[in-house]
N, C-alpha and C. Protein backbone atom coordinates (compact mmCIF):
# COMPACT_ATOMS: atom_id res chain seq x y z
N MET A 1 0.82 -1.19 0.00
CA MET A 1 0.00 0.00 0.00
C MET A 1 0.87 1.25 0.00
N VAL A 2 1.95 1.23 0.73
CA VAL A 2 2.82 2.40 0.80
C VAL A 2 3.46 2.66 -0.55
N CYS A 3 3.80 1.61 -1.28
CA CYS A 3 4.46 1.81 -2.57
C CYS A 3 3.55 2.53 -3.57
N CYS A 4 2.25 2.42 -3.41
CA CYS A 4 1.32 3.10 -4.31
C CYS A 4 1.39 4.62 -4.17
N PHE A 5 1.71 5.08 -2.97
CA PHE A 5 1.71 6.51 -2.70
C PHE A 5 3.12 7.07 -2.50
N ALA A 6 4.12 6.35 -2.92
CA ALA A 6 5.51 6.77 -2.67
C ALA A 6 5.83 8.11 -3.34
N GLY A 7 5.31 8.33 -4.54
CA GLY A 7 5.62 9.57 -5.24
C GLY A 7 4.57 10.65 -5.05
N PHE A 8 3.58 10.38 -4.24
CA PHE A 8 2.47 11.30 -4.05
C PHE A 8 2.80 12.34 -2.99
N THR A 9 2.66 13.59 -3.34
CA THR A 9 2.84 14.66 -2.36
C THR A 9 1.58 15.52 -2.37
N ALA A 10 1.14 15.90 -1.21
CA ALA A 10 -0.07 16.71 -1.09
C ALA A 10 0.29 18.09 -0.57
N SER A 11 -0.38 19.09 -1.08
CA SER A 11 -0.20 20.43 -0.58
C SER A 11 -1.48 21.22 -0.83
N ALA A 12 -1.65 22.22 -0.04
CA ALA A 12 -2.86 23.04 -0.14
C ALA A 12 -2.72 24.04 -1.28
N CYS A 13 -3.85 24.54 -1.75
CA CYS A 13 -3.83 25.57 -2.78
C CYS A 13 -3.38 26.90 -2.16
N GLU A 14 -3.13 27.88 -3.00
CA GLU A 14 -2.61 29.16 -2.50
C GLU A 14 -3.58 29.87 -1.56
N THR A 15 -4.87 29.81 -1.87
CA THR A 15 -5.87 30.47 -1.03
C THR A 15 -5.90 29.85 0.37
N CYS A 16 -5.92 28.52 0.43
CA CYS A 16 -5.95 27.83 1.72
C CYS A 16 -4.65 28.07 2.49
N THR A 17 -3.54 28.13 1.79
CA THR A 17 -2.26 28.36 2.44
C THR A 17 -2.23 29.72 3.13
N ARG A 18 -2.80 30.73 2.48
CA ARG A 18 -2.82 32.06 3.09
C ARG A 18 -3.73 32.15 4.31
N LYS A 19 -4.79 31.34 4.35
CA LYS A 19 -5.74 31.39 5.46
C LYS A 19 -5.28 30.63 6.70
N GLN A 20 -4.31 29.75 6.55
CA GLN A 20 -3.91 28.90 7.66
C GLN A 20 -2.78 29.52 8.47
N SER A 21 -2.65 29.01 9.70
CA SER A 21 -1.59 29.49 10.58
C SER A 21 -0.23 28.95 10.13
N TRP A 22 0.81 29.47 10.70
CA TRP A 22 2.16 29.08 10.31
C TRP A 22 2.44 27.60 10.58
N LEU A 23 1.80 27.03 11.58
CA LEU A 23 2.06 25.63 11.94
C LEU A 23 1.52 24.66 10.89
N LEU A 24 0.37 24.96 10.32
CA LEU A 24 -0.26 24.06 9.36
C LEU A 24 -0.21 24.57 7.92
N ARG A 25 0.56 25.58 7.70
CA ARG A 25 0.61 26.19 6.37
C ARG A 25 1.04 25.16 5.32
N ASN A 26 0.31 25.13 4.23
CA ASN A 26 0.58 24.26 3.09
C ASN A 26 0.38 22.78 3.42
N ALA A 27 -0.37 22.47 4.47
CA ALA A 27 -0.57 21.08 4.86
C ALA A 27 -1.92 20.54 4.40
N THR A 28 -2.99 21.31 4.58
CA THR A 28 -4.32 20.82 4.24
C THR A 28 -5.15 21.93 3.61
N HIS A 29 -6.25 21.54 3.03
CA HIS A 29 -7.19 22.52 2.49
C HIS A 29 -8.16 22.95 3.59
N GLY A 30 -8.79 24.07 3.39
CA GLY A 30 -9.78 24.56 4.34
C GLY A 30 -9.17 25.48 5.37
N ARG A 31 -10.03 25.88 6.30
CA ARG A 31 -9.58 26.78 7.36
C ARG A 31 -8.76 26.02 8.39
N GLY A 32 -7.85 26.72 8.96
CA GLY A 32 -7.07 26.15 10.05
C GLY A 32 -7.74 26.42 11.37
N PRO A 33 -7.08 26.12 12.46
CA PRO A 33 -7.64 26.39 13.78
C PRO A 33 -7.89 27.89 13.97
N ASP A 34 -8.99 28.21 14.66
CA ASP A 34 -9.35 29.61 14.86
C ASP A 34 -8.64 30.24 16.04
N THR A 35 -8.49 29.48 17.13
CA THR A 35 -7.89 30.04 18.34
C THR A 35 -6.85 29.07 18.89
N ARG A 36 -6.20 29.50 19.96
CA ARG A 36 -5.22 28.63 20.63
C ARG A 36 -5.90 27.45 21.31
N TRP A 37 -7.19 27.60 21.64
CA TRP A 37 -7.92 26.49 22.24
C TRP A 37 -8.00 25.30 21.30
N ASP A 38 -8.09 25.57 20.01
CA ASP A 38 -8.13 24.48 19.03
C ASP A 38 -6.84 23.67 19.08
N TYR A 39 -5.72 24.36 19.17
CA TYR A 39 -4.43 23.66 19.27
C TYR A 39 -4.35 22.86 20.57
N LEU A 40 -4.85 23.43 21.65
CA LEU A 40 -4.83 22.74 22.94
C LEU A 40 -5.68 21.47 22.89
N ILE A 41 -6.85 21.56 22.30
CA ILE A 41 -7.72 20.38 22.19
C ILE A 41 -7.05 19.29 21.36
N VAL A 42 -6.47 19.66 20.25
CA VAL A 42 -5.79 18.68 19.39
C VAL A 42 -4.60 18.08 20.11
N ALA A 43 -3.85 18.88 20.85
CA ALA A 43 -2.70 18.37 21.59
C ALA A 43 -3.13 17.38 22.68
N ILE A 44 -4.21 17.69 23.39
CA ILE A 44 -4.70 16.79 24.44
C ILE A 44 -5.18 15.47 23.83
N VAL A 45 -5.90 15.54 22.74
CA VAL A 45 -6.38 14.33 22.08
C VAL A 45 -5.20 13.51 21.55
N ALA A 46 -4.21 14.16 20.96
CA ALA A 46 -3.03 13.44 20.47
C ALA A 46 -2.29 12.76 21.62
N LEU A 47 -2.19 13.43 22.76
CA LEU A 47 -1.55 12.84 23.93
C LEU A 47 -2.32 11.62 24.41
N LEU A 48 -3.65 11.72 24.45
CA LEU A 48 -4.47 10.58 24.86
C LEU A 48 -4.31 9.40 23.90
N VAL A 49 -4.23 9.67 22.63
CA VAL A 49 -4.04 8.61 21.64
C VAL A 49 -2.68 7.94 21.84
N LEU A 50 -1.63 8.72 22.07
CA LEU A 50 -0.30 8.15 22.27
C LEU A 50 -0.22 7.33 23.55
N VAL A 51 -0.83 7.80 24.62
CA VAL A 51 -0.83 7.04 25.88
C VAL A 51 -1.60 5.74 25.70
N THR A 52 -2.74 5.80 25.03
CA THR A 52 -3.53 4.60 24.78
C THR A 52 -2.76 3.61 23.91
N LEU A 53 -2.09 4.09 22.89
CA LEU A 53 -1.29 3.22 22.03
C LEU A 53 -0.16 2.57 22.82
N PHE A 54 0.52 3.35 23.65
CA PHE A 54 1.62 2.83 24.47
C PHE A 54 1.15 1.69 25.37
N TYR A 55 0.07 1.93 26.13
CA TYR A 55 -0.42 0.91 27.05
C TYR A 55 -1.03 -0.29 26.32
N SER A 56 -1.63 -0.07 25.17
CA SER A 56 -2.16 -1.19 24.40
C SER A 56 -1.04 -2.13 23.97
N ILE A 57 0.03 -1.56 23.45
CA ILE A 57 1.16 -2.38 23.02
C ILE A 57 1.84 -3.03 24.22
N LYS A 58 2.02 -2.27 25.28
CA LYS A 58 2.68 -2.79 26.48
C LYS A 58 1.92 -3.98 27.05
N TRP A 59 0.62 -3.85 27.23
CA TRP A 59 -0.17 -4.92 27.84
C TRP A 59 -0.42 -6.07 26.87
N LEU A 60 -0.31 -5.81 25.58
CA LEU A 60 -0.41 -6.89 24.63
C LEU A 60 0.84 -7.77 24.67
N LEU A 61 2.00 -7.14 24.76
CA LEU A 61 3.25 -7.88 24.79
C LEU A 61 3.56 -8.46 26.17
N PHE A 62 3.26 -7.74 27.23
CA PHE A 62 3.56 -8.16 28.59
C PHE A 62 2.32 -8.02 29.46
N PRO A 63 1.40 -9.00 29.41
CA PRO A 63 0.14 -8.86 30.13
C PRO A 63 0.31 -8.82 31.64
N GLY A 64 1.30 -9.48 32.20
CA GLY A 64 1.56 -9.38 33.64
C GLY A 64 0.77 -10.33 34.50
N GLU A 65 -0.11 -11.12 33.94
CA GLU A 65 -0.87 -12.09 34.74
C GLU A 65 -0.01 -13.31 35.01
N GLN A 66 0.11 -13.70 36.27
CA GLN A 66 0.94 -14.84 36.64
C GLN A 66 0.13 -16.05 37.08
N SER A 67 -1.16 -15.90 37.27
CA SER A 67 -2.00 -16.99 37.74
C SER A 67 -2.08 -18.10 36.68
N ALA A 68 -1.95 -19.35 37.13
CA ALA A 68 -2.03 -20.48 36.21
C ALA A 68 -3.44 -20.68 35.67
N HIS A 69 -4.43 -20.13 36.34
CA HIS A 69 -5.82 -20.30 35.93
C HIS A 69 -6.36 -19.11 35.13
N HIS A 70 -5.49 -18.21 34.75
CA HIS A 70 -5.92 -17.06 33.96
C HIS A 70 -6.30 -17.52 32.55
N ILE A 71 -7.25 -16.85 31.95
CA ILE A 71 -7.78 -17.24 30.65
C ILE A 71 -6.69 -17.28 29.58
N LYS A 72 -5.71 -16.40 29.64
CA LYS A 72 -4.67 -16.40 28.61
C LYS A 72 -3.86 -17.68 28.66
N ASN A 73 -3.63 -18.23 29.86
CA ASN A 73 -2.88 -19.48 29.97
C ASN A 73 -3.70 -20.66 29.46
N ILE A 74 -4.99 -20.62 29.64
CA ILE A 74 -5.84 -21.69 29.13
C ILE A 74 -5.80 -21.68 27.59
N VAL A 75 -5.84 -20.50 27.00
CA VAL A 75 -5.83 -20.39 25.55
C VAL A 75 -4.45 -20.71 24.99
N LEU A 76 -3.40 -20.17 25.59
CA LEU A 76 -2.05 -20.38 25.07
C LEU A 76 -1.55 -21.80 25.26
N ASN A 77 -1.93 -22.46 26.33
CA ASN A 77 -1.40 -23.78 26.64
C ASN A 77 -2.25 -24.91 26.10
N GLU A 78 -3.37 -24.62 25.51
CA GLU A 78 -4.24 -25.67 24.99
C GLU A 78 -3.62 -26.28 23.74
N ARG A 79 -3.57 -27.58 23.70
CA ARG A 79 -2.98 -28.30 22.57
C ARG A 79 -4.09 -28.73 21.61
N PRO A 80 -3.85 -28.62 20.31
CA PRO A 80 -4.87 -29.05 19.33
C PRO A 80 -4.95 -30.57 19.23
């Protein structure tokens, strides 16, 4: 899938570029954030997504359950 878009570059048109803030200039079409609150909301949501991703991967790789009767041991140790 990545190879299909290897040569693809996206940029906003001149009108959209002039309307956007310096941080998002030439990145997307349409209006950019109106106030600093918009940046704060996006930053908080991005932080929540990163924390969720971190813990999802961590607990997937190292669940931490040591009980022999835990459901993961029943599934992992069952022989076909």
